[in-house]
């Protein structure tokens, strides 16, 4: 697992409190290494869930995330997953 991919998640997590990791794993997106992480946390005292994917292409790092109240995210999860799986790079 590339520490650079893990470190990209700090962009999101540094603004959160009480971060608890639910799941994290090395994955592949478009035949390239990527990293997925799902956490629960607090933002401004309110509980939230954050799912993030990080990956690198050429010399750029990317982080994409879905965040909000867990119960509010249920309808958006399939759309987010479709977005992630639809990414294409030349």
N, C-alpha and C. Protein backbone atom coordinates (compact mmCIF):
# COMPACT_ATOMS: atom_id res chain seq x y z
N UNK A 1 0.86 -1.19 0.00
CA UNK A 1 0.00 0.00 0.00
C UNK A 1 0.89 1.23 0.00
N UNK A 2 0.64 2.13 -0.91
CA UNK A 2 1.42 3.35 -1.02
C UNK A 2 1.06 4.32 0.10
N UNK A 3 2.08 4.77 0.83
CA UNK A 3 1.81 5.75 1.89
C UNK A 3 1.30 7.05 1.30
N UNK A 4 1.65 7.34 0.05
CA UNK A 4 1.12 8.56 -0.59
C UNK A 4 -0.39 8.49 -0.73
N UNK A 5 -0.91 7.33 -1.09
CA UNK A 5 -2.36 7.18 -1.23
C UNK A 5 -3.05 7.32 0.12
N UNK A 6 -2.46 6.74 1.15
CA UNK A 6 -3.02 6.85 2.50
C UNK A 6 -2.96 8.30 2.97
N UNK A 7 -1.86 8.97 2.73
CA UNK A 7 -1.71 10.37 3.16
C UNK A 7 -2.69 11.31 2.49
N UNK A 8 -3.12 11.00 1.29
CA UNK A 8 -4.09 11.85 0.61
C UNK A 8 -5.40 11.93 1.40
N UNK A 9 -5.72 10.90 2.15
CA UNK A 9 -6.95 10.90 2.94
C UNK A 9 -6.91 11.92 4.07
N UNK A 10 -5.75 12.32 4.48
CA UNK A 10 -5.63 13.32 5.55
C UNK A 10 -6.23 14.65 5.14
N UNK A 11 -6.29 14.92 3.85
CA UNK A 11 -6.93 16.15 3.36
C UNK A 11 -8.35 16.23 3.90
N UNK A 12 -9.03 15.10 3.91
CA UNK A 12 -10.41 15.04 4.39
C UNK A 12 -10.46 14.88 5.90
N UNK A 13 -9.69 13.94 6.42
CA UNK A 13 -9.78 13.58 7.83
C UNK A 13 -9.27 14.64 8.80
N UNK A 14 -8.37 15.49 8.37
CA UNK A 14 -7.83 16.50 9.28
C UNK A 14 -8.87 17.49 9.76
N UNK A 15 -9.99 17.60 9.07
CA UNK A 15 -11.04 18.53 9.48
C UNK A 15 -12.09 17.86 10.38
N UNK A 16 -11.88 16.59 10.71
CA UNK A 16 -12.85 15.83 11.49
C UNK A 16 -12.36 15.55 12.90
N UNK A 17 -13.30 15.26 13.79
CA UNK A 17 -12.99 14.87 15.17
C UNK A 17 -13.51 13.46 15.40
N UNK A 18 -12.91 12.78 16.38
CA UNK A 18 -13.38 11.45 16.80
C UNK A 18 -13.48 10.47 15.62
N UNK A 19 -12.45 10.44 14.80
CA UNK A 19 -12.44 9.58 13.62
C UNK A 19 -12.28 8.11 14.03
N UNK A 20 -13.19 7.27 13.52
CA UNK A 20 -13.11 5.83 13.75
C UNK A 20 -13.15 5.13 12.39
N UNK A 21 -12.14 4.34 12.12
CA UNK A 21 -12.05 3.64 10.84
C UNK A 21 -13.01 2.45 10.85
N UNK A 22 -13.88 2.41 9.87
CA UNK A 22 -14.81 1.30 9.68
C UNK A 22 -14.21 0.26 8.73
N UNK A 23 -13.60 0.75 7.66
CA UNK A 23 -13.00 -0.14 6.66
C UNK A 23 -11.94 0.62 5.89
N UNK A 24 -10.86 -0.07 5.57
CA UNK A 24 -9.85 0.49 4.67
C UNK A 24 -9.21 -0.66 3.92
N UNK A 25 -8.92 -0.39 2.64
CA UNK A 25 -8.33 -1.46 1.83
C UNK A 25 -7.67 -0.90 0.59
N UNK A 26 -6.68 -1.64 0.13
CA UNK A 26 -6.06 -1.35 -1.16
C UNK A 26 -6.97 -1.96 -2.22
N UNK A 27 -7.22 -1.20 -3.27
CA UNK A 27 -8.08 -1.66 -4.35
C UNK A 27 -7.43 -1.30 -5.68
N UNK A 28 -8.12 -1.60 -6.75
CA UNK A 28 -7.66 -1.25 -8.09
C UNK A 28 -8.75 -0.47 -8.79
N UNK A 29 -8.39 0.68 -9.37
CA UNK A 29 -9.29 1.46 -10.21
C UNK A 29 -8.63 1.61 -11.57
N UNK A 30 -9.34 1.22 -12.60
CA UNK A 30 -8.80 1.30 -13.96
C UNK A 30 -7.42 0.65 -14.05
N UNK A 31 -7.28 -0.50 -13.41
CA UNK A 31 -6.03 -1.28 -13.42
C UNK A 31 -4.86 -0.57 -12.76
N UNK A 32 -5.14 0.37 -11.88
CA UNK A 32 -4.09 1.09 -11.16
C UNK A 32 -4.36 0.99 -9.66
N UNK A 33 -3.31 1.06 -8.84
CA UNK A 33 -3.51 1.00 -7.39
C UNK A 33 -4.34 2.18 -6.88
N UNK A 34 -5.18 1.89 -5.93
CA UNK A 34 -6.00 2.92 -5.28
C UNK A 34 -6.21 2.49 -3.83
N UNK A 35 -6.83 3.36 -3.06
CA UNK A 35 -7.04 3.11 -1.64
C UNK A 35 -8.43 3.59 -1.27
N UNK A 36 -9.16 2.76 -0.52
CA UNK A 36 -10.51 3.09 -0.08
C UNK A 36 -10.53 3.13 1.44
N UNK A 37 -11.26 4.10 1.98
CA UNK A 37 -11.38 4.19 3.43
C UNK A 37 -12.77 4.70 3.78
N UNK A 38 -13.38 4.07 4.79
CA UNK A 38 -14.68 4.48 5.29
C UNK A 38 -14.53 4.74 6.78
N UNK A 39 -14.95 5.93 7.23
CA UNK A 39 -14.83 6.30 8.64
C UNK A 39 -16.14 6.89 9.14
N UNK A 40 -16.30 6.85 10.45
CA UNK A 40 -17.32 7.66 11.09
C UNK A 40 -16.55 8.71 11.88
N UNK A 41 -17.16 9.86 12.07
CA UNK A 41 -16.47 10.95 12.75
C UNK A 41 -17.49 11.98 13.20
N UNK A 42 -16.98 13.05 13.76
CA UNK A 42 -17.81 14.19 14.11
C UNK A 42 -17.30 15.41 13.37
N UNK A 43 -18.25 16.21 12.90
CA UNK A 43 -17.94 17.48 12.25
C UNK A 43 -18.84 18.53 12.89
N UNK A 44 -18.24 19.50 13.51
CA UNK A 44 -19.00 20.52 14.25
C UNK A 44 -19.93 19.88 15.27
N UNK A 45 -19.47 18.79 15.89
CA UNK A 45 -20.22 18.13 16.93
C UNK A 45 -21.31 17.18 16.45
N UNK A 46 -21.47 17.04 15.14
CA UNK A 46 -22.50 16.16 14.59
C UNK A 46 -21.86 14.91 13.99
N UNK A 47 -22.49 13.74 14.17
CA UNK A 47 -21.93 12.50 13.61
C UNK A 47 -22.09 12.44 12.10
N UNK A 48 -21.03 12.02 11.42
CA UNK A 48 -21.07 11.85 9.97
C UNK A 48 -20.33 10.57 9.59
N UNK A 49 -20.52 10.19 8.36
CA UNK A 49 -19.78 9.08 7.76
C UNK A 49 -19.07 9.65 6.53
N UNK A 50 -17.86 9.18 6.28
CA UNK A 50 -17.10 9.62 5.11
C UNK A 50 -16.50 8.40 4.42
N UNK A 51 -16.75 8.29 3.12
CA UNK A 51 -16.11 7.28 2.29
C UNK A 51 -15.19 8.00 1.32
N UNK A 52 -13.95 7.57 1.25
CA UNK A 52 -13.00 8.23 0.35
C UNK A 52 -12.25 7.21 -0.48
N UNK A 53 -11.93 7.61 -1.68
CA UNK A 53 -11.05 6.86 -2.58
C UNK A 53 -9.90 7.78 -2.94
N UNK A 54 -8.70 7.26 -2.91
CA UNK A 54 -7.56 8.05 -3.39
C UNK A 54 -6.81 7.24 -4.44
N UNK A 55 -6.26 7.95 -5.39
CA UNK A 55 -5.51 7.31 -6.46
C UNK A 55 -4.61 8.34 -7.10
N UNK A 56 -3.63 7.85 -7.84
CA UNK A 56 -2.70 8.74 -8.55
C UNK A 56 -2.74 8.40 -10.02
N UNK A 57 -2.65 9.43 -10.82
CA UNK A 57 -2.52 9.29 -12.26
C UNK A 57 -1.47 10.28 -12.71
N UNK A 58 -0.49 9.74 -13.43
CA UNK A 58 0.67 10.53 -13.84
C UNK A 58 1.28 11.14 -12.59
N UNK A 59 1.43 12.43 -12.47
CA UNK A 59 2.06 13.01 -11.28
C UNK A 59 1.05 13.72 -10.38
N UNK A 60 -0.23 13.39 -10.53
CA UNK A 60 -1.27 14.04 -9.73
C UNK A 60 -1.92 13.05 -8.77
N UNK A 61 -2.29 13.55 -7.60
CA UNK A 61 -3.02 12.74 -6.64
C UNK A 61 -4.47 13.19 -6.61
N UNK A 62 -5.39 12.24 -6.48
CA UNK A 62 -6.82 12.52 -6.47
C UNK A 62 -7.45 11.93 -5.21
N UNK A 63 -8.39 12.66 -4.65
CA UNK A 63 -9.21 12.15 -3.55
C UNK A 63 -10.65 12.50 -3.87
N UNK A 64 -11.53 11.52 -3.81
CA UNK A 64 -12.95 11.78 -4.00
C UNK A 64 -13.68 11.19 -2.80
N UNK A 65 -14.71 11.88 -2.35
CA UNK A 65 -15.37 11.40 -1.13
C UNK A 65 -16.88 11.62 -1.18
N UNK A 66 -17.54 10.82 -0.37
CA UNK A 66 -18.97 10.94 -0.12
C UNK A 66 -19.10 11.10 1.39
N UNK A 67 -19.77 12.15 1.84
CA UNK A 67 -19.87 12.37 3.29
C UNK A 67 -21.23 12.95 3.65
N UNK A 68 -21.62 12.67 4.87
CA UNK A 68 -22.88 13.18 5.40
C UNK A 68 -23.37 12.30 6.53
N UNK A 69 -24.58 12.55 6.99
CA UNK A 69 -25.19 11.69 8.00
C UNK A 69 -25.40 10.32 7.38
N UNK A 70 -25.06 9.28 8.11
CA UNK A 70 -25.13 7.91 7.58
C UNK A 70 -26.47 7.60 6.94
N UNK A 71 -27.55 7.93 7.63
CA UNK A 71 -28.88 7.59 7.10
C UNK A 71 -29.21 8.39 5.84
N UNK A 72 -28.62 9.56 5.69
CA UNK A 72 -28.86 10.39 4.51
C UNK A 72 -28.09 9.91 3.30
N UNK A 73 -27.04 9.11 3.51
CA UNK A 73 -26.18 8.69 2.41
C UNK A 73 -26.71 7.48 1.66
N UNK A 74 -27.65 6.75 2.24
CA UNK A 74 -28.11 5.50 1.63
C UNK A 74 -28.51 5.67 0.16
N UNK A 75 -29.24 6.70 -0.16
CA UNK A 75 -29.67 6.90 -1.54
C UNK A 75 -28.56 7.33 -2.47
N UNK A 76 -27.51 7.93 -1.91
CA UNK A 76 -26.41 8.42 -2.73
C UNK A 76 -25.30 7.40 -2.96
N UNK A 77 -25.23 6.38 -2.12
CA UNK A 77 -24.14 5.39 -2.25
C UNK A 77 -24.07 4.76 -3.64
N UNK A 78 -25.19 4.27 -4.20
CA UNK A 78 -25.10 3.66 -5.54
C UNK A 78 -24.60 4.65 -6.61
N UNK A 79 -25.02 5.88 -6.51
CA UNK A 79 -24.59 6.89 -7.48
C UNK A 79 -23.10 7.16 -7.33
N UNK A 80 -22.63 7.24 -6.08
CA UNK A 80 -21.21 7.46 -5.83
C UNK A 80 -20.38 6.29 -6.37
N UNK A 81 -20.83 5.07 -6.10
CA UNK A 81 -20.11 3.90 -6.60
C UNK A 81 -20.10 3.87 -8.13
N UNK A 82 -21.21 4.24 -8.74
CA UNK A 82 -21.27 4.30 -10.20
C UNK A 82 -20.29 5.35 -10.73
N UNK A 83 -20.21 6.48 -10.05
CA UNK A 83 -19.24 7.52 -10.42
C UNK A 83 -17.82 6.99 -10.35
N UNK A 84 -17.48 6.33 -9.23
CA UNK A 84 -16.12 5.80 -9.06
C UNK A 84 -15.79 4.77 -10.15
N UNK A 85 -16.71 3.86 -10.38
CA UNK A 85 -16.46 2.81 -11.38
C UNK A 85 -16.45 3.38 -12.80
N UNK A 86 -17.04 4.53 -13.01
CA UNK A 86 -17.09 5.14 -14.34
C UNK A 86 -15.90 6.02 -14.67
N UNK A 87 -15.01 6.21 -13.69
CA UNK A 87 -13.82 7.03 -13.96
C UNK A 87 -12.98 6.37 -15.04
N UNK A 88 -12.48 7.16 -15.95
CA UNK A 88 -11.57 6.62 -16.96
C UNK A 88 -10.45 7.61 -17.19
N UNK A 89 -9.30 7.04 -17.38
CA UNK A 89 -8.09 7.85 -17.58
C UNK A 89 -7.40 7.36 -18.83
N UNK A 90 -6.83 8.29 -19.54
CA UNK A 90 -6.09 7.92 -20.76
C UNK A 90 -4.64 7.74 -20.46
